[in-house]
Amino acid sequence: MGRRSRTVEGAAVATLVPVLSLVPFWLLALAVVWYPVHLVWDIAFWWFPLVWAGLGLLLFVRPIQVAVLSPLFGARRPTERELDVIEPIWRDLAQRIDVPPDRYVVRILPSDDLNAFACGGHLVVLTSFAVDELPRDELAGVLAHELCHHLGFHTVALTIGHWLSLPVLVLARIGFFLQNVARAATDSFASNSAGFTAIGGLIAALLTAVSWVFLAALYASDALANLFGHGTEFEADRRAVRMGYGRPLSKALRRVIALGGGSRAVGWRARLAASHPSARTRVARIEAMMRHPSR
């Protein structure tokens, strides 16, 4: 695989759907912030989404991405012992796809779970458990899968979606906070007045309704992201198989199953809440691809 192996895949394009569904609520959240600011300073609304989008683009600059996202996820630099394990595997992966080894950055998440994920455009996060417990070949399979997310541009829409969701989430939380304040103030100072109690209850109800609008938008966007995100997992598995890492990746997923994970989601609510397809399904598909590579 050469440099041209980094291509935008159909699954990556599909992950833009939840991002697009969030855009109206993102603009509405910015409008709520802009309006009181506009009453004091004469600032056009379009500056708010423009500046927010510009700041979001900075997250795709590798040093900024690593500096911001690593602490956000609670990830750290690998220790010398962890580097001794990771670096030879990473050099081999970089050589196979003909890219500089330092194009992507590996960080460690202290955790007793067997997990790994790719984020931003350059960051791969491994749990300390994965580094400590996985055999070298299985760890290579996991790293290959996560690297394939970057090669297919799977993480771009996810990063954009998280950035757009921040003002929506903040306003939802502020709304619920103000709703609690209004309810407490009504109970404390207007309990003896039916009129003030009714007004306080109405304000609290309006704030609750507005907050739930923003919160529902986040839930819907997350559900769509999970739904379309399953396709990116299968695409990353397919790339890893083509790179020659199908067998070790399958073994690592079987280890997840042996540790009690990888069960299939039951019911439509569970399926919408599941960010990944089940490990059992992925193992079956990987092994089918290895048996029939022409398909």
Protein backbone atom coordinates (compact mmCIF):
# COMPACT_ATOMS: atom_id res chain seq x y z
CA MET A 1 0.00 0.00 0.00
CA GLY A 2 1.34 3.41 -0.95
CA ARG A 3 0.46 6.97 -0.20
CA ARG A 4 -2.62 6.77 -2.37
CA SER A 5 -4.07 4.27 0.10
CA ARG A 6 -5.43 7.25 2.06
CA THR A 7 -8.80 7.75 0.40
CA VAL A 8 -12.19 9.08 1.42
CA GLU A 9 -14.47 6.05 1.75
CA GLY A 10 -18.23 5.86 1.39
CA ALA A 11 -18.61 5.11 5.09
CA ALA A 12 -16.71 8.31 5.92
CA VAL A 13 -19.06 10.35 3.71
CA ALA A 14 -22.08 8.72 5.37
CA THR A 15 -20.86 9.89 8.80
CA LEU A 16 -21.50 13.46 7.65
CA VAL A 17 -25.25 12.80 7.99
CA PRO A 18 -25.33 13.19 11.81
CA VAL A 19 -23.13 16.29 11.49
CA LEU A 20 -25.56 17.88 9.03
CA SER A 21 -28.48 17.03 11.32
CA LEU A 22 -26.76 18.95 14.12
CA VAL A 23 -26.00 22.11 12.12
CA PRO A 24 -29.44 23.84 12.61
CA PHE A 25 -29.26 23.34 16.39
CA TRP A 26 -25.64 24.50 16.43
CA LEU A 27 -26.67 27.70 14.64
CA LEU A 28 -29.62 28.11 17.03
CA ALA A 29 -27.32 27.70 20.04
CA LEU A 30 -24.93 30.31 18.63
CA ALA A 31 -27.88 32.63 18.00
CA VAL A 32 -28.92 32.34 21.66
CA VAL A 33 -25.38 33.37 22.66
CA TRP A 34 -25.13 36.07 19.98
CA TYR A 35 -28.36 37.90 20.80
CA PRO A 36 -27.42 39.31 24.26
CA VAL A 37 -23.92 40.08 22.96
CA HIS A 38 -25.48 41.93 20.02
CA LEU A 39 -27.48 44.11 22.42
CA VAL A 40 -24.20 45.42 23.86
CA TRP A 41 -21.89 45.33 20.85
CA ASP A 42 -22.95 45.66 17.24
CA ILE A 43 -21.59 42.32 15.98
CA ALA A 44 -23.10 40.54 13.00
CA PHE A 45 -24.34 37.02 13.71
CA TRP A 46 -22.32 35.43 10.90
CA TRP A 47 -19.11 36.18 12.82
CA PHE A 48 -20.09 33.63 15.48
CA PRO A 49 -20.37 30.54 13.24
CA LEU A 50 -17.39 31.72 11.18
CA VAL A 51 -15.11 32.05 14.22
CA TRP A 52 -16.37 28.80 15.75
CA ALA A 53 -15.76 26.92 12.49
CA GLY A 54 -12.30 28.47 12.18
CA LEU A 55 -11.38 27.38 15.70
CA GLY A 56 -12.64 23.91 14.84
CA LEU A 57 -10.32 23.72 11.85
CA LEU A 58 -7.38 24.26 14.20
CA LEU A 59 -8.19 20.88 15.76
CA PHE A 60 -6.93 19.27 12.56
CA VAL A 61 -3.47 20.80 13.02
CA ARG A 62 -1.50 17.93 14.50
CA PRO A 63 0.28 19.71 17.41
CA ILE A 64 -2.93 21.48 18.46
CA GLN A 65 -4.95 18.30 18.04
CA VAL A 66 -2.60 16.30 20.23
CA ALA A 67 -2.33 19.08 22.83
CA VAL A 68 -6.13 19.55 23.08
CA LEU A 69 -7.61 16.09 22.52
CA SER A 70 -5.11 14.05 24.55
CA PRO A 71 -5.90 15.70 27.91
CA LEU A 72 -9.58 15.86 26.95
CA PHE A 73 -9.64 12.05 26.76
CA GLY A 74 -7.32 11.67 29.75
CA ALA A 75 -4.57 10.18 27.56
CA ARG A 76 -0.84 10.59 28.19
CA ARG A 77 2.48 9.98 26.47
CA PRO A 78 3.66 6.34 26.43
CA THR A 79 6.27 5.40 29.02
CA GLU A 80 9.67 4.11 27.92
CA ARG A 81 8.51 0.54 28.48
CA GLU A 82 5.35 1.13 26.44
CA LEU A 83 7.36 2.78 23.67
CA ASP A 84 9.57 -0.31 23.49
CA VAL A 85 6.44 -2.30 22.71
CA ILE A 86 4.70 0.16 20.39
CA GLU A 87 7.51 1.67 18.30
CA PRO A 88 8.59 -1.47 16.38
CA ILE A 89 4.95 -2.24 15.52
CA TRP A 90 4.30 1.35 14.49
CA ARG A 91 7.41 1.51 12.27
CA ASP A 92 6.28 -1.65 10.48
CA LEU A 93 2.80 -0.23 9.93
CA ALA A 94 4.17 3.07 8.62
CA GLN A 95 6.49 1.21 6.25
CA ARG A 96 3.62 -0.86 4.86
CA ILE A 97 1.59 2.21 3.92
CA ASP A 98 4.65 4.30 2.99
CA VAL A 99 4.16 7.21 5.41
CA PRO A 100 6.52 8.80 7.95
CA PRO A 101 6.12 7.11 11.37
CA ASP A 102 5.62 10.49 13.05
CA ARG A 103 2.62 11.47 10.90
CA TYR A 104 0.31 9.87 13.48
CA VAL A 105 0.68 10.07 17.25
CA VAL A 106 0.00 7.28 19.75
CA ARG A 107 -1.19 8.12 23.25
CA ILE A 108 -2.04 5.89 26.22
CA LEU A 109 -5.28 5.94 28.18
CA PRO A 110 -4.78 4.47 31.68
CA SER A 111 -7.55 1.88 31.85
CA ASP A 112 -8.18 -1.75 32.74
CA ASP A 113 -10.34 -2.18 29.62
CA LEU A 114 -9.14 -3.65 26.36
CA ASN A 115 -9.83 -0.78 23.97
CA ALA A 116 -8.39 1.56 21.36
CA PHE A 117 -9.76 4.37 19.22
CA ALA A 118 -8.73 6.90 16.59
CA CYS A 119 -9.72 10.55 16.81
CA GLY A 120 -9.04 13.82 15.08
CA GLY A 121 -6.87 13.26 12.05
CA HIS A 122 -3.62 12.10 13.62
CA LEU A 123 -4.29 10.61 17.04
CA VAL A 124 -4.50 6.93 18.03
CA VAL A 125 -5.30 6.11 21.66
CA LEU A 126 -4.58 2.72 23.25
CA THR A 127 -5.52 1.66 26.75
CA SER A 128 -2.67 0.69 29.04
CA PHE A 129 -4.32 -2.72 29.39
CA ALA A 130 -4.06 -3.30 25.64
CA VAL A 131 -0.34 -2.49 25.64
CA ASP A 132 0.36 -4.61 28.73
CA GLU A 133 -1.75 -7.66 27.95
CA LEU A 134 -2.00 -8.09 24.18
CA PRO A 135 0.63 -10.19 22.38
CA ARG A 136 2.65 -8.26 19.83
CA ASP A 137 0.77 -9.58 16.79
CA GLU A 138 -2.65 -8.81 18.27
CA LEU A 139 -1.56 -5.31 19.26
CA ALA A 140 -0.37 -4.83 15.68
CA GLY A 141 -3.81 -5.87 14.43
CA VAL A 142 -5.50 -3.35 16.74
CA LEU A 143 -3.14 -0.54 15.71
CA ALA A 144 -3.64 -1.39 12.04
CA HIS A 145 -7.43 -1.15 12.47
CA GLU A 146 -7.19 2.26 14.17
CA LEU A 147 -4.73 3.52 11.57
CA CYS A 148 -7.18 2.42 8.87
CA HIS A 149 -9.75 4.80 10.37
CA HIS A 150 -7.36 7.64 9.59
CA LEU A 151 -6.56 6.29 6.13
CA GLY A 152 -10.30 6.29 5.33
CA PHE A 153 -10.91 9.76 6.87
CA HIS A 154 -13.41 8.17 9.26
CA THR A 155 -12.52 10.47 12.16
CA VAL A 156 -13.05 13.78 10.36
CA ALA A 157 -16.84 13.92 10.65
CA LEU A 158 -16.70 12.67 14.24
CA THR A 159 -14.33 15.48 15.23
CA ILE A 160 -16.48 18.09 13.46
CA GLY A 161 -19.61 16.71 15.12
CA HIS A 162 -18.08 16.88 18.59
CA TRP A 163 -16.97 20.47 17.99
CA LEU A 164 -20.40 21.57 16.75
CA SER A 165 -22.11 19.84 19.67
CA LEU A 166 -20.21 21.82 22.33
CA PRO A 167 -22.37 25.00 22.28
CA VAL A 168 -25.52 22.86 22.02
CA LEU A 169 -24.47 20.83 25.07
CA VAL A 170 -23.48 23.91 27.05
CA LEU A 171 -26.81 25.64 26.39
CA ALA A 172 -28.74 22.50 27.30
CA ARG A 173 -26.92 22.35 30.64
CA ILE A 174 -27.37 26.07 31.26
CA GLY A 175 -31.07 25.70 30.51
CA PHE A 176 -31.50 22.90 33.04
CA PHE A 177 -29.49 24.89 35.60
CA LEU A 178 -31.65 27.99 35.13
CA GLN A 179 -34.77 25.82 35.29
CA ASN A 180 -33.66 24.55 38.71
CA VAL A 181 -32.86 28.12 39.81
CA ALA A 182 -36.30 29.35 38.68
CA ARG A 183 -38.04 26.50 40.45
CA ALA A 184 -36.06 27.03 43.65
CA ALA A 185 -36.66 30.79 43.57
CA THR A 186 -40.38 30.25 43.05
CA ASP A 187 -40.55 27.82 45.98
CA SER A 188 -38.56 30.16 48.24
CA PHE A 189 -39.95 33.60 47.47
CA ALA A 190 -43.28 33.18 45.70
CA SER A 191 -44.84 30.22 47.42
CA ASN A 192 -47.48 32.43 49.08
CA SER A 193 -48.52 34.05 45.81
CA ALA A 194 -50.48 31.98 43.32
CA GLY A 195 -49.69 34.47 40.51
CA PHE A 196 -45.93 34.50 41.08
CA THR A 197 -45.95 30.74 41.54
CA ALA A 198 -47.68 30.32 38.17
CA ILE A 199 -45.21 32.70 36.48
CA GLY A 200 -42.24 30.90 38.04
CA GLY A 201 -43.62 27.54 36.99
CA LEU A 202 -44.16 28.82 33.43
CA ILE A 203 -40.56 30.12 33.22
CA ALA A 204 -39.23 26.82 34.54
CA ALA A 205 -41.36 24.88 32.05
CA LEU A 206 -40.14 27.03 29.13
CA LEU A 207 -36.51 26.60 30.14
CA THR A 208 -37.02 22.86 30.47
CA ALA A 209 -38.61 22.67 27.03
CA VAL A 210 -35.78 24.65 25.41
CA SER A 211 -33.16 22.52 27.16
CA TRP A 212 -34.82 19.32 26.01
CA VAL A 213 -34.86 20.57 22.41
CA PHE A 214 -31.08 20.93 22.50
CA LEU A 215 -30.63 17.68 24.41
CA ALA A 216 -32.87 15.76 22.00
CA ALA A 217 -30.80 17.10 19.10
CA LEU A 218 -27.66 15.72 20.74
CA TYR A 219 -29.27 12.33 21.38
CA ALA A 220 -30.49 12.12 17.79
CA SER A 221 -27.10 13.11 16.41
CA ASP A 222 -25.34 10.54 18.63
CA ALA A 223 -27.76 7.81 17.53
CA LEU A 224 -27.16 8.63 13.85
CA ALA A 225 -23.40 8.75 14.46
CA ASN A 226 -23.53 5.28 16.03
CA LEU A 227 -25.67 3.96 13.20
CA PHE A 228 -23.41 5.23 10.43
CA GLY A 229 -20.27 4.60 12.49
CA HIS A 230 -20.75 0.84 12.20
CA GLY A 231 -19.92 1.15 8.52
CA THR A 232 -16.59 2.81 9.31
CA GLU A 233 -15.68 -0.08 11.63
CA PHE A 234 -16.31 -2.61 8.87
CA GLU A 235 -14.35 -0.48 6.37
CA ALA A 236 -11.40 -0.24 8.77
CA ASP A 237 -11.51 -4.01 9.29
CA ARG A 238 -11.53 -4.52 5.51
CA ARG A 239 -8.49 -2.30 5.06
CA ALA A 240 -6.66 -4.08 7.87
CA VAL A 241 -7.33 -7.43 6.19
CA ARG A 242 -5.95 -6.10 2.89
CA MET A 243 -2.84 -4.91 4.75
CA GLY A 244 -2.30 -8.42 6.08
CA TYR A 245 -3.52 -7.85 9.65
CA GLY A 246 -6.78 -9.76 9.45
CA ARG A 247 -5.68 -12.76 11.50
CA PRO A 248 -4.14 -10.79 14.43
CA LEU A 249 -7.11 -8.40 14.47
CA SER A 250 -9.51 -11.33 14.61
CA LYS A 251 -7.51 -12.83 17.49
CA ALA A 252 -7.63 -9.52 19.39
CA LEU A 253 -11.40 -9.33 18.93
CA ARG A 254 -11.74 -12.91 20.15
CA ARG A 255 -9.84 -11.85 23.25
CA VAL A 256 -12.41 -9.08 23.76
CA ILE A 257 -15.14 -11.71 23.57
CA ALA A 258 -13.29 -13.95 26.03
CA LEU A 259 -13.09 -11.03 28.48
CA GLY A 260 -16.87 -10.69 28.39
CA GLY A 261 -17.30 -8.06 25.67
CA GLY A 262 -18.46 -8.24 22.10
CA SER A 263 -22.06 -9.29 22.70
CA ARG A 264 -24.65 -8.25 20.13
CA ALA A 265 -27.00 -5.40 21.01
CA VAL A 266 -30.56 -6.61 21.55
CA GLY A 267 -33.42 -4.30 20.56
CA TRP A 268 -33.42 -1.14 18.46
CA ARG A 269 -32.62 1.15 21.41
CA ALA A 270 -29.52 -0.87 22.28
CA ARG A 271 -28.46 -0.93 18.64
CA LEU A 272 -28.76 2.85 18.36
CA ALA A 273 -26.78 3.27 21.59
CA ALA A 274 -23.98 0.92 20.46
CA SER A 275 -21.08 2.89 18.98
CA HIS A 276 -19.50 -0.27 17.52
CA PRO A 277 -20.83 -3.43 15.91
CA SER A 278 -20.38 -6.49 18.10
CA ALA A 279 -16.98 -8.15 18.19
CA ARG A 280 -18.59 -11.44 17.19
CA THR A 281 -20.01 -9.89 14.02
CA ARG A 282 -16.68 -8.31 13.17
CA VAL A 283 -14.81 -11.58 13.69
CA ALA A 284 -17.24 -13.40 11.40
CA ARG A 285 -16.85 -10.77 8.67
CA ILE A 286 -13.05 -10.63 8.96
CA GLU A 287 -12.70 -14.39 8.72
CA ALA A 288 -15.11 -14.48 5.77
CA MET A 289 -12.96 -11.86 4.00
CA MET A 290 -9.83 -13.91 4.63
CA ARG A 291 -11.49 -17.08 3.28
CA HIS A 292 -12.80 -15.28 0.18
CA PRO A 293 -10.43 -12.34 -0.51
CA SER A 294 -11.76 -11.90 -4.06
CA ARG A 295 -15.12 -10.86 -2.61
